[in-house]
Amino acid sequence: MVKFEIDGAVLTCETKPDLFSPKNLDTGTRMLLESVIKLPGSYTNVLDWGCGWGAIGLTLAELQPESRVTAVDSDIAAVSTATANAENNRVHNLKVVASHGFDQLDQDQKFDIIVSNPPTHRGREVLEQMVVESYQHLTASGRLVVVVEARLKPWVARAIKSSFGDYKILKRGPKHVVLTGIKVLQ
């Protein structure tokens, strides 16, 4: 059981030993959430890509109850755990979908923001594909926000710059960096 608080949202979540960060909210995810909630404006359609036990999607849904948050993960244990955590925390604006990336989502569905602590252990190709597909699934002026280990920042920044034209560092810590790319239509 993990209990955490971000900007007044207090959540209590079940985890599983084989899911990422099963004992607490990891530092990178906390940095990511703190960065996202400081962004100007609000978001109607939000995607948590690679949701794990649901920390990102649950927090954003709780803090913005008027938004529609979708959380995806290819791991069935993650999907069932995130779904149970949404129910147990009475978060009703979060929909959890079993999907390998964007595969099970409506291909015409667009998001105002896509947020992820991506599974970088699966290799560059997975993250690079996520960045490319994220650009395609964002609304005009939509935003991708990811957190990665600081040592991975150079190639992640290149991937975002390649698809989005540029990137920005939102927050840098000793072990993690939060990067964003904004969709700009030509």
N, C-alpha and C. Protein backbone atom coordinates (compact mmCIF):
# COMPACT_ATOMS: atom_id res chain seq x y z
N MET A 1 0.84 -1.18 0.00
CA MET A 1 0.00 0.00 0.00
C MET A 1 0.89 1.25 0.00
N VAL A 2 0.59 2.18 -0.91
CA VAL A 2 1.35 3.42 -1.02
C VAL A 2 0.38 4.57 -0.82
N LYS A 3 0.73 5.47 0.09
CA LYS A 3 -0.07 6.68 0.31
C LYS A 3 0.83 7.87 0.00
N PHE A 4 0.32 8.81 -0.82
CA PHE A 4 1.12 9.96 -1.18
C PHE A 4 0.22 11.17 -1.39
N GLU A 5 0.86 12.34 -1.36
CA GLU A 5 0.13 13.61 -1.52
C GLU A 5 0.88 14.48 -2.52
N ILE A 6 0.12 15.03 -3.47
CA ILE A 6 0.65 15.99 -4.44
C ILE A 6 -0.34 17.15 -4.50
N ASP A 7 0.09 18.32 -4.12
CA ASP A 7 -0.71 19.54 -4.26
C ASP A 7 -2.12 19.40 -3.67
N GLY A 8 -2.22 18.75 -2.53
CA GLY A 8 -3.51 18.59 -1.87
C GLY A 8 -4.26 17.32 -2.22
N ALA A 9 -3.88 16.65 -3.27
CA ALA A 9 -4.50 15.36 -3.63
C ALA A 9 -3.82 14.27 -2.83
N VAL A 10 -4.59 13.60 -1.97
CA VAL A 10 -4.06 12.51 -1.16
C VAL A 10 -4.65 11.21 -1.71
N LEU A 11 -3.79 10.30 -2.10
CA LEU A 11 -4.22 9.05 -2.70
C LEU A 11 -3.58 7.88 -1.97
N THR A 12 -4.34 6.82 -1.84
CA THR A 12 -3.86 5.58 -1.25
C THR A 12 -4.02 4.49 -2.30
N CYS A 13 -2.93 3.83 -2.65
CA CYS A 13 -2.94 2.90 -3.77
C CYS A 13 -2.35 1.55 -3.41
N GLU A 14 -2.95 0.53 -3.99
CA GLU A 14 -2.39 -0.82 -3.96
C GLU A 14 -1.32 -0.88 -5.03
N THR A 15 -0.32 -1.69 -4.82
CA THR A 15 0.70 -1.92 -5.84
C THR A 15 0.93 -3.42 -5.94
N LYS A 16 1.77 -3.81 -6.84
CA LYS A 16 2.16 -5.21 -6.99
C LYS A 16 3.69 -5.24 -7.08
N PRO A 17 4.30 -6.30 -6.53
CA PRO A 17 5.77 -6.35 -6.53
C PRO A 17 6.41 -6.29 -7.91
N ASP A 18 5.70 -6.75 -8.94
CA ASP A 18 6.30 -6.76 -10.28
C ASP A 18 6.04 -5.49 -11.08
N LEU A 19 5.36 -4.50 -10.48
CA LEU A 19 5.13 -3.22 -11.14
C LEU A 19 6.20 -2.23 -10.71
N PHE A 20 6.43 -1.22 -11.53
CA PHE A 20 7.44 -0.20 -11.23
C PHE A 20 7.13 0.51 -9.92
N SER A 21 8.12 0.69 -9.11
CA SER A 21 8.05 1.42 -7.84
C SER A 21 6.91 0.92 -6.94
N PRO A 22 6.98 -0.34 -6.51
CA PRO A 22 5.88 -0.93 -5.74
C PRO A 22 5.78 -0.48 -4.29
N LYS A 23 6.81 0.19 -3.77
CA LYS A 23 6.80 0.54 -2.34
C LYS A 23 6.52 2.01 -2.06
N ASN A 24 6.65 2.87 -3.08
CA ASN A 24 6.41 4.29 -2.86
C ASN A 24 6.30 5.02 -4.19
N LEU A 25 5.92 6.27 -4.11
CA LEU A 25 5.92 7.11 -5.30
C LEU A 25 7.37 7.48 -5.57
N ASP A 26 7.90 7.09 -6.71
CA ASP A 26 9.31 7.32 -6.99
C ASP A 26 9.60 8.80 -7.24
N THR A 27 10.84 9.18 -7.08
CA THR A 27 11.28 10.56 -7.20
C THR A 27 10.97 11.15 -8.57
N GLY A 28 11.21 10.38 -9.64
CA GLY A 28 10.96 10.88 -10.98
C GLY A 28 9.49 11.19 -11.23
N THR A 29 8.61 10.29 -10.79
CA THR A 29 7.17 10.50 -10.97
C THR A 29 6.71 11.72 -10.17
N ARG A 30 7.22 11.88 -8.97
CA ARG A 30 6.87 13.06 -8.16
C ARG A 30 7.33 14.34 -8.88
N MET A 31 8.54 14.35 -9.42
CA MET A 31 9.04 15.52 -10.16
C MET A 31 8.16 15.81 -11.37
N LEU A 32 7.77 14.76 -12.06
CA LEU A 32 6.92 14.91 -13.24
C LEU A 32 5.58 15.53 -12.86
N LEU A 33 4.93 14.99 -11.84
CA LEU A 33 3.64 15.51 -11.40
C LEU A 33 3.75 16.96 -10.93
N GLU A 34 4.77 17.27 -10.15
CA GLU A 34 4.95 18.64 -9.67
C GLU A 34 5.18 19.60 -10.84
N SER A 35 5.84 19.14 -11.89
CA SER A 35 6.06 19.97 -13.08
C SER A 35 4.77 20.18 -13.86
N VAL A 36 4.00 19.12 -14.04
CA VAL A 36 2.77 19.21 -14.82
C VAL A 36 1.75 20.13 -14.15
N ILE A 37 1.61 20.03 -12.84
CA ILE A 37 0.59 20.86 -12.17
C ILE A 37 0.96 22.34 -12.16
N LYS A 38 2.22 22.66 -12.41
CA LYS A 38 2.64 24.06 -12.48
C LYS A 38 2.46 24.66 -13.88
N LEU A 39 2.14 23.83 -14.86
CA LEU A 39 1.96 24.34 -16.22
C LEU A 39 0.74 25.24 -16.27
N PRO A 40 0.77 26.26 -17.10
CA PRO A 40 -0.39 27.17 -17.19
C PRO A 40 -1.59 26.47 -17.83
N GLY A 41 -2.77 26.91 -17.43
CA GLY A 41 -4.01 26.39 -18.02
C GLY A 41 -4.42 25.05 -17.44
N SER A 42 -5.49 24.53 -18.00
CA SER A 42 -5.96 23.21 -17.60
C SER A 42 -6.13 22.37 -18.86
N TYR A 43 -6.29 21.10 -18.69
CA TYR A 43 -6.35 20.18 -19.82
C TYR A 43 -7.64 19.38 -19.75
N THR A 44 -8.35 19.32 -20.88
CA THR A 44 -9.61 18.58 -20.94
C THR A 44 -9.36 17.10 -21.16
N ASN A 45 -8.49 16.77 -22.10
CA ASN A 45 -8.19 15.37 -22.43
C ASN A 45 -6.73 15.08 -22.12
N VAL A 46 -6.53 14.15 -21.19
CA VAL A 46 -5.20 13.83 -20.68
C VAL A 46 -4.92 12.35 -20.92
N LEU A 47 -3.68 12.03 -21.29
CA LEU A 47 -3.26 10.64 -21.42
C LEU A 47 -2.05 10.37 -20.53
N ASP A 48 -2.17 9.32 -19.71
CA ASP A 48 -1.06 8.80 -18.92
C ASP A 48 -0.57 7.57 -19.69
N TRP A 49 0.57 7.70 -20.35
CA TRP A 49 1.10 6.63 -21.21
C TRP A 49 2.03 5.75 -20.38
N GLY A 50 1.69 4.46 -20.21
CA GLY A 50 2.48 3.54 -19.39
C GLY A 50 2.17 3.74 -17.92
N CYS A 51 0.91 3.59 -17.56
CA CYS A 51 0.40 4.05 -16.27
C CYS A 51 0.87 3.27 -15.05
N GLY A 52 1.35 2.04 -15.21
CA GLY A 52 1.72 1.27 -14.02
C GLY A 52 0.54 1.15 -13.08
N TRP A 53 0.77 1.34 -11.79
CA TRP A 53 -0.33 1.21 -10.82
C TRP A 53 -1.20 2.46 -10.75
N GLY A 54 -0.89 3.49 -11.55
CA GLY A 54 -1.81 4.59 -11.76
C GLY A 54 -1.49 5.92 -11.11
N ALA A 55 -0.32 6.10 -10.55
CA ALA A 55 -0.01 7.33 -9.80
C ALA A 55 -0.23 8.60 -10.61
N ILE A 56 0.24 8.63 -11.84
CA ILE A 56 0.15 9.85 -12.65
C ILE A 56 -1.30 10.14 -13.03
N GLY A 57 -1.96 9.17 -13.63
CA GLY A 57 -3.34 9.36 -14.06
C GLY A 57 -4.27 9.68 -12.91
N LEU A 58 -4.12 8.98 -11.80
CA LEU A 58 -4.97 9.22 -10.63
C LEU A 58 -4.78 10.64 -10.09
N THR A 59 -3.53 11.06 -9.98
CA THR A 59 -3.25 12.39 -9.44
C THR A 59 -3.83 13.47 -10.35
N LEU A 60 -3.59 13.36 -11.65
CA LEU A 60 -4.09 14.39 -12.57
C LEU A 60 -5.61 14.39 -12.63
N ALA A 61 -6.23 13.23 -12.56
CA ALA A 61 -7.70 13.15 -12.54
C ALA A 61 -8.26 13.75 -11.26
N GLU A 62 -7.61 13.49 -10.15
CA GLU A 62 -8.06 14.03 -8.86
C GLU A 62 -7.91 15.55 -8.82
N LEU A 63 -6.81 16.06 -9.35
CA LEU A 63 -6.56 17.51 -9.30
C LEU A 63 -7.38 18.28 -10.34
N GLN A 64 -7.81 17.62 -11.40
CA GLN A 64 -8.62 18.27 -12.43
C GLN A 64 -9.87 17.43 -12.69
N PRO A 65 -10.83 17.48 -11.78
CA PRO A 65 -12.01 16.61 -11.90
C PRO A 65 -12.86 16.87 -13.14
N GLU A 66 -12.69 18.03 -13.78
CA GLU A 66 -13.44 18.33 -15.00
C GLU A 66 -12.79 17.71 -16.23
N SER A 67 -11.59 17.18 -16.09
CA SER A 67 -10.87 16.59 -17.24
C SER A 67 -11.26 15.12 -17.43
N ARG A 68 -10.95 14.63 -18.63
CA ARG A 68 -11.11 13.21 -18.94
C ARG A 68 -9.70 12.65 -19.07
N VAL A 69 -9.37 11.74 -18.17
CA VAL A 69 -8.02 11.17 -18.15
C VAL A 69 -8.10 9.72 -18.61
N THR A 70 -7.24 9.38 -19.56
CA THR A 70 -7.10 8.01 -20.03
C THR A 70 -5.72 7.54 -19.61
N ALA A 71 -5.64 6.32 -19.10
CA ALA A 71 -4.36 5.73 -18.72
C ALA A 71 -4.20 4.43 -19.49
N VAL A 72 -3.05 4.23 -20.10
CA VAL A 72 -2.80 3.01 -20.86
C VAL A 72 -1.56 2.30 -20.35
N ASP A 73 -1.60 0.99 -20.43
CA ASP A 73 -0.44 0.16 -20.13
C ASP A 73 -0.63 -1.16 -20.84
N SER A 74 0.46 -1.77 -21.26
CA SER A 74 0.39 -3.07 -21.92
C SER A 74 0.40 -4.23 -20.92
N ASP A 75 0.72 -3.94 -19.67
CA ASP A 75 0.78 -4.95 -18.61
C ASP A 75 -0.60 -5.09 -17.97
N ILE A 76 -1.18 -6.29 -18.05
CA ILE A 76 -2.52 -6.53 -17.52
C ILE A 76 -2.57 -6.31 -16.01
N ALA A 77 -1.50 -6.68 -15.29
CA ALA A 77 -1.47 -6.44 -13.84
C ALA A 77 -1.51 -4.95 -13.54
N ALA A 78 -0.82 -4.15 -14.35
CA ALA A 78 -0.85 -2.70 -14.18
C ALA A 78 -2.25 -2.16 -14.43
N VAL A 79 -2.89 -2.61 -15.49
CA VAL A 79 -4.23 -2.14 -15.84
C VAL A 79 -5.23 -2.48 -14.73
N SER A 80 -5.19 -3.71 -14.24
CA SER A 80 -6.15 -4.09 -13.19
C SER A 80 -5.87 -3.35 -11.88
N THR A 81 -4.59 -3.12 -11.57
CA THR A 81 -4.24 -2.40 -10.35
C THR A 81 -4.64 -0.93 -10.45
N ALA A 82 -4.35 -0.29 -11.57
CA ALA A 82 -4.74 1.12 -11.75
C ALA A 82 -6.26 1.27 -11.72
N THR A 83 -6.97 0.34 -12.33
CA THR A 83 -8.44 0.38 -12.31
C THR A 83 -8.97 0.27 -10.88
N ALA A 84 -8.42 -0.68 -10.12
CA ALA A 84 -8.83 -0.85 -8.72
C ALA A 84 -8.50 0.40 -7.90
N ASN A 85 -7.34 1.01 -8.16
CA ASN A 85 -6.95 2.21 -7.42
C ASN A 85 -7.88 3.38 -7.74
N ALA A 86 -8.33 3.49 -8.98
CA ALA A 86 -9.29 4.54 -9.33
C ALA A 86 -10.60 4.33 -8.57
N GLU A 87 -11.06 3.09 -8.52
CA GLU A 87 -12.30 2.78 -7.80
C GLU A 87 -12.14 3.04 -6.30
N ASN A 88 -11.04 2.56 -5.73
CA ASN A 88 -10.82 2.71 -4.28
C ASN A 88 -10.64 4.16 -3.85
N ASN A 89 -10.14 5.00 -4.74
CA ASN A 89 -9.96 6.43 -4.42
C ASN A 89 -11.13 7.27 -4.92
N ARG A 90 -12.15 6.61 -5.45
CA ARG A 90 -13.35 7.28 -5.97
C ARG A 90 -13.02 8.34 -7.02
N VAL A 91 -12.10 8.00 -7.91
CA VAL A 91 -11.73 8.87 -9.02
C VAL A 91 -12.53 8.37 -10.23
N HIS A 92 -13.50 9.17 -10.65
CA HIS A 92 -14.45 8.72 -11.68
C HIS A 92 -14.13 9.24 -13.08
N ASN A 93 -13.19 10.13 -13.21
CA ASN A 93 -12.87 10.68 -14.53
C ASN A 93 -11.59 10.08 -15.10
N LEU A 94 -11.26 8.86 -14.67
CA LEU A 94 -10.09 8.13 -15.16
C LEU A 94 -10.56 6.83 -15.80
N LYS A 95 -10.17 6.61 -17.04
CA LYS A 95 -10.46 5.38 -17.76
C LYS A 95 -9.13 4.69 -18.02
N VAL A 96 -9.01 3.42 -17.61
CA VAL A 96 -7.78 2.66 -17.78
C VAL A 96 -7.99 1.66 -18.92
N VAL A 97 -7.04 1.64 -19.86
CA VAL A 97 -7.17 0.80 -21.05
C VAL A 97 -5.93 -0.08 -21.20
N ALA A 98 -6.16 -1.37 -21.44
CA ALA A 98 -5.06 -2.27 -21.77
C ALA A 98 -4.68 -2.00 -23.22
N SER A 99 -3.49 -1.49 -23.43
CA SER A 99 -3.08 -1.12 -24.78
C SER A 99 -1.57 -1.10 -24.88
N HIS A 100 -1.07 -1.63 -25.97
CA HIS A 100 0.35 -1.50 -26.28
C HIS A 100 0.51 -0.14 -26.95
N GLY A 101 0.94 0.85 -26.19
CA GLY A 101 1.01 2.21 -26.71
C GLY A 101 -0.37 2.73 -27.05
N PHE A 102 -0.53 3.20 -28.26
CA PHE A 102 -1.80 3.79 -28.71
C PHE A 102 -2.71 2.78 -29.42
N ASP A 103 -2.28 1.52 -29.52
CA ASP A 103 -2.97 0.52 -30.34
C ASP A 103 -4.46 0.40 -30.07
N GLN A 104 -4.89 0.41 -28.81
CA GLN A 104 -6.28 0.17 -28.47
C GLN A 104 -7.08 1.46 -28.28
N LEU A 105 -6.49 2.58 -28.61
CA LEU A 105 -7.20 3.86 -28.53
C LEU A 105 -7.76 4.20 -29.90
N ASP A 106 -8.81 4.98 -29.91
CA ASP A 106 -9.36 5.50 -31.16
C ASP A 106 -8.26 6.29 -31.85
N GLN A 107 -7.94 5.93 -33.07
CA GLN A 107 -6.82 6.57 -33.77
C GLN A 107 -7.07 8.05 -34.06
N ASP A 108 -8.34 8.48 -33.98
CA ASP A 108 -8.65 9.90 -34.17
C ASP A 108 -8.67 10.67 -32.85
N GLN A 109 -8.52 9.95 -31.72
CA GLN A 109 -8.58 10.61 -30.42
C GLN A 109 -7.35 11.50 -30.23
N LYS A 110 -7.59 12.71 -29.77
CA LYS A 110 -6.52 13.68 -29.54
C LYS A 110 -6.50 14.08 -28.06
N PHE A 111 -5.32 14.35 -27.57
CA PHE A 111 -5.12 14.72 -26.17
C PHE A 111 -4.49 16.11 -26.08
N ASP A 112 -4.84 16.84 -25.05
CA ASP A 112 -4.24 18.14 -24.79
C ASP A 112 -2.85 17.99 -24.19
N ILE A 113 -2.68 16.90 -23.43
CA ILE A 113 -1.38 16.61 -22.81
C ILE A 113 -1.23 15.10 -22.68
N ILE A 114 -0.03 14.64 -22.97
CA ILE A 114 0.36 13.24 -22.77
C ILE A 114 1.51 13.26 -21.79
N VAL A 115 1.37 12.49 -20.73
CA VAL A 115 2.33 12.50 -19.62
C VAL A 115 2.84 11.09 -19.42
N SER A 116 4.15 10.95 -19.18
CA SER A 116 4.70 9.60 -19.02
C SER A 116 6.00 9.57 -18.24
N ASN A 117 6.13 8.53 -17.43
CA ASN A 117 7.40 8.10 -16.90
C ASN A 117 7.65 6.80 -17.66
N PRO A 118 8.22 6.90 -18.87
CA PRO A 118 8.22 5.77 -19.79
C PRO A 118 9.14 4.63 -19.35
N PRO A 119 8.84 3.43 -19.85
CA PRO A 119 9.67 2.26 -19.51
C PRO A 119 10.95 2.25 -20.35
N THR A 120 11.90 3.08 -19.97
CA THR A 120 13.14 3.21 -20.76
C THR A 120 13.95 1.92 -20.77
N HIS A 121 13.69 1.03 -19.81
CA HIS A 121 14.40 -0.25 -19.77
C HIS A 121 14.04 -1.12 -20.97
N ARG A 122 12.96 -0.77 -21.68
CA ARG A 122 12.56 -1.55 -22.86
C ARG A 122 13.31 -1.13 -24.11
N GLY A 123 14.13 -0.10 -24.00
CA GLY A 123 14.96 0.30 -25.13
C GLY A 123 14.52 1.59 -25.79
N ARG A 124 15.44 2.14 -26.54
CA ARG A 124 15.22 3.42 -27.22
C ARG A 124 14.04 3.39 -28.17
N GLU A 125 13.89 2.28 -28.87
CA GLU A 125 12.85 2.20 -29.90
C GLU A 125 11.47 2.43 -29.31
N VAL A 126 11.21 1.89 -28.13
CA VAL A 126 9.89 2.05 -27.50
C VAL A 126 9.63 3.52 -27.19
N LEU A 127 10.60 4.18 -26.60
CA LEU A 127 10.41 5.59 -26.27
C LEU A 127 10.34 6.46 -27.52
N GLU A 128 11.18 6.19 -28.48
CA GLU A 128 11.16 6.98 -29.71
C GLU A 128 9.83 6.83 -30.45
N GLN A 129 9.28 5.60 -30.48
CA GLN A 129 7.97 5.39 -31.10
C GLN A 129 6.89 6.12 -30.31
N MET A 130 6.97 6.10 -28.99
CA MET A 130 6.00 6.81 -28.16
C MET A 130 6.02 8.30 -28.46
N VAL A 131 7.20 8.88 -28.63
CA VAL A 131 7.31 10.31 -28.92
C VAL A 131 6.66 10.63 -30.27
N VAL A 132 6.98 9.85 -31.29
CA VAL A 132 6.41 10.07 -32.62
C VAL A 132 4.90 9.94 -32.59
N GLU A 133 4.40 8.87 -31.97
CA GLU A 133 2.95 8.64 -31.92
C GLU A 133 2.26 9.67 -31.04
N SER A 134 2.93 10.15 -30.02
CA SER A 134 2.34 11.18 -29.16
C SER A 134 2.07 12.44 -29.98
N TYR A 135 3.02 12.83 -30.79
CA TYR A 135 2.84 14.02 -31.62
C TYR A 135 1.57 13.87 -32.47
N GLN A 136 1.35 12.70 -33.01
CA GLN A 136 0.18 12.44 -33.86
C GLN A 136 -1.13 12.46 -33.07
N HIS A 137 -1.07 12.20 -31.78
CA HIS A 137 -2.27 12.11 -30.95
C HIS A 137 -2.51 13.35 -30.09
N LEU A 138 -1.75 14.41 -30.34
CA LEU A 138 -1.95 15.66 -29.59
C LEU A 138 -2.80 16.64 -30.39
N THR A 139 -3.56 17.44 -29.67
CA THR A 139 -4.29 18.54 -30.28
C THR A 139 -3.27 19.61 -30.70
N ALA A 140 -3.72 20.57 -31.50
CA ALA A 140 -2.86 21.71 -31.83
C ALA A 140 -2.44 22.37 -30.52
N SER A 141 -1.20 22.66 -30.35
CA SER A 141 -0.62 23.21 -29.12
C SER A 141 -0.63 22.22 -27.96
N GLY A 142 -0.88 20.94 -28.26
CA GLY A 142 -0.82 19.91 -27.23
C GLY A 142 0.62 19.71 -26.77
N ARG A 143 0.76 19.05 -25.63
CA ARG A 143 2.07 18.96 -24.99
C ARG A 143 2.36 17.54 -24.56
N LEU A 144 3.60 17.09 -24.79
CA LEU A 144 4.13 15.84 -24.26
C LEU A 144 5.04 16.20 -23.10
N VAL A 145 4.89 15.51 -21.96
CA VAL A 145 5.77 15.72 -20.82
C VAL A 145 6.25 14.35 -20.34
N VAL A 146 7.58 14.17 -20.30
CA VAL A 146 8.16 12.90 -19.85
C VAL A 146 9.22 13.16 -18.80
N VAL A 147 9.41 12.17 -17.95
CA VAL A 147 10.52 12.21 -17.01
C VAL A 147 11.40 10.99 -17.30
N VAL A 148 12.71 11.22 -17.30
CA VAL A 148 13.66 10.13 -17.52
C VAL A 148 14.85 10.34 -16.60
N GLU A 149 15.64 9.29 -16.47
CA GLU A 149 16.88 9.43 -15.72
C GLU A 149 17.77 10.44 -16.44
N ALA A 150 18.47 11.25 -15.68
CA ALA A 150 19.28 12.32 -16.25
C ALA A 150 20.28 11.82 -17.28
N ARG A 151 20.82 10.63 -17.09
CA ARG A 151 21.81 10.10 -18.03
C ARG A 151 21.20 9.81 -19.41
N LEU A 152 19.86 9.68 -19.47
CA LEU A 152 19.18 9.40 -20.75
C LEU A 152 18.72 10.68 -21.45
N LYS A 153 18.86 11.81 -20.79
CA LYS A 153 18.35 13.07 -21.32
C LYS A 153 18.82 13.38 -22.73
N PRO A 154 20.10 13.18 -23.09
CA PRO A 154 20.52 13.57 -24.44
C PRO A 154 19.72 12.89 -25.56
N TRP A 155 19.56 11.59 -25.49
CA TRP A 155 18.85 10.94 -26.60
C TRP A 155 17.35 11.14 -26.53
N VAL A 156 16.78 11.30 -25.33
CA VAL A 156 15.35 11.59 -25.22
C VAL A 156 15.07 13.00 -25.76
N ALA A 157 15.94 13.94 -25.42
CA ALA A 157 15.80 15.30 -25.93
C ALA A 157 15.87 15.32 -27.46
N ARG A 158 16.79 14.52 -28.04
CA ARG A 158 16.89 14.44 -29.50
C ARG A 158 15.62 13.87 -30.11
N ALA A 159 15.04 12.86 -29.47
CA ALA A 159 13.80 12.26 -29.98
C ALA A 159 12.66 13.27 -29.96
N ILE A 160 12.54 14.02 -28.87
CA ILE A 160 11.48 15.03 -28.77
C ILE A 160 11.73 16.13 -29.80
N LYS A 161 12.96 16.59 -29.91
CA LYS A 161 13.28 17.66 -30.86
C LYS A 161 13.01 17.22 -32.29
N SER A 162 13.28 15.96 -32.59
CA SER A 162 13.05 15.44 -33.94
C SER A 162 11.57 15.49 -34.32
N SER A 163 10.69 15.15 -33.40
CA SER A 163 9.25 15.15 -33.69
C SER A 163 8.59 16.50 -33.48
N PHE A 164 9.00 17.22 -32.45
CA PHE A 164 8.32 18.45 -32.05
C PHE A 164 9.02 19.72 -32.53
N GLY A 165 10.24 19.59 -33.04
CA GLY A 165 10.98 20.76 -33.49
C GLY A 165 11.85 21.37 -32.41
N ASP A 166 11.47 21.16 -31.16
CA ASP A 166 12.26 21.66 -30.04
C ASP A 166 11.78 20.97 -28.77
N TYR A 167 12.47 21.19 -27.69
CA TYR A 167 12.08 20.66 -26.39
C TYR A 167 12.47 21.68 -25.33
N LYS A 168 11.95 21.49 -24.13
CA LYS A 168 12.29 22.35 -23.01
C LYS A 168 12.45 21.49 -21.78
N ILE A 169 13.38 21.85 -20.93
CA ILE A 169 13.53 21.17 -19.64
C ILE A 169 12.64 21.90 -18.64
N LEU A 170 11.69 21.18 -18.04
CA LEU A 170 10.81 21.78 -17.04
C LEU A 170 11.42 21.73 -15.64
N LYS A 171 12.15 20.64 -15.37
CA LYS A 171 12.75 20.49 -14.05
C LYS A 171 13.91 19.51 -14.15
N ARG A 172 14.96 19.81 -13.40
CA ARG A 172 16.13 18.94 -13.39
C ARG A 172 16.47 18.63 -11.93
N GLY A 173 16.67 17.37 -11.65
CA GLY A 173 17.08 16.95 -10.32
C GLY A 173 18.38 16.19 -10.42
N PRO A 174 18.90 15.71 -9.30
CA PRO A 174 20.17 14.99 -9.34
C PRO A 174 20.11 13.71 -10.17
N LYS A 175 18.94 13.05 -10.21
CA LYS A 175 18.84 11.78 -10.92
C LYS A 175 17.86 11.79 -12.09
N HIS A 176 16.98 12.79 -12.15
CA HIS A 176 15.94 12.82 -13.18
C HIS A 176 15.83 14.18 -13.85
N VAL A 177 15.25 14.16 -15.04
CA VAL A 177 14.96 15.40 -15.74
C VAL A 177 13.57 15.27 -16.37
N VAL A 178 12.80 16.36 -16.31
CA VAL A 178 11.47 16.42 -16.89
C VAL A 178 11.56 17.26 -18.16
N LEU A 179 11.18 16.65 -19.29
CA LEU A 179 11.26 17.30 -20.60
C LEU A 179 9.87 17.46 -21.19
N THR A 180 9.71 18.49 -22.01
CA THR A 180 8.43 18.69 -22.69
C THR A 180 8.66 19.10 -24.13
N GLY A 181 7.70 18.73 -24.95
CA GLY A 181 7.64 19.18 -26.33
C GLY A 181 6.22 19.65 -26.59
N ILE A 182 6.07 20.76 -27.33
CA ILE A 182 4.76 21.30 -27.63
C ILE A 182 4.52 21.18 -29.12
N LYS A 183 3.35 20.67 -29.48
CA LYS A 183 3.01 20.49 -30.89
C LYS A 183 2.75 21.87 -31.50
N VAL A 184 3.51 22.17 -32.52
CA VAL A 184 3.36 23.43 -33.24
C VAL A 184 3.06 23.08 -34.69
N LEU A 185 1.91 23.49 -35.15
CA LEU A 185 1.54 23.19 -36.53
C LEU A 185 2.21 24.17 -37.46
N GLN A 186 2.72 23.67 -38.55
CA GLN A 186 3.41 24.51 -39.54
C GLN A 186 2.42 25.19 -40.44
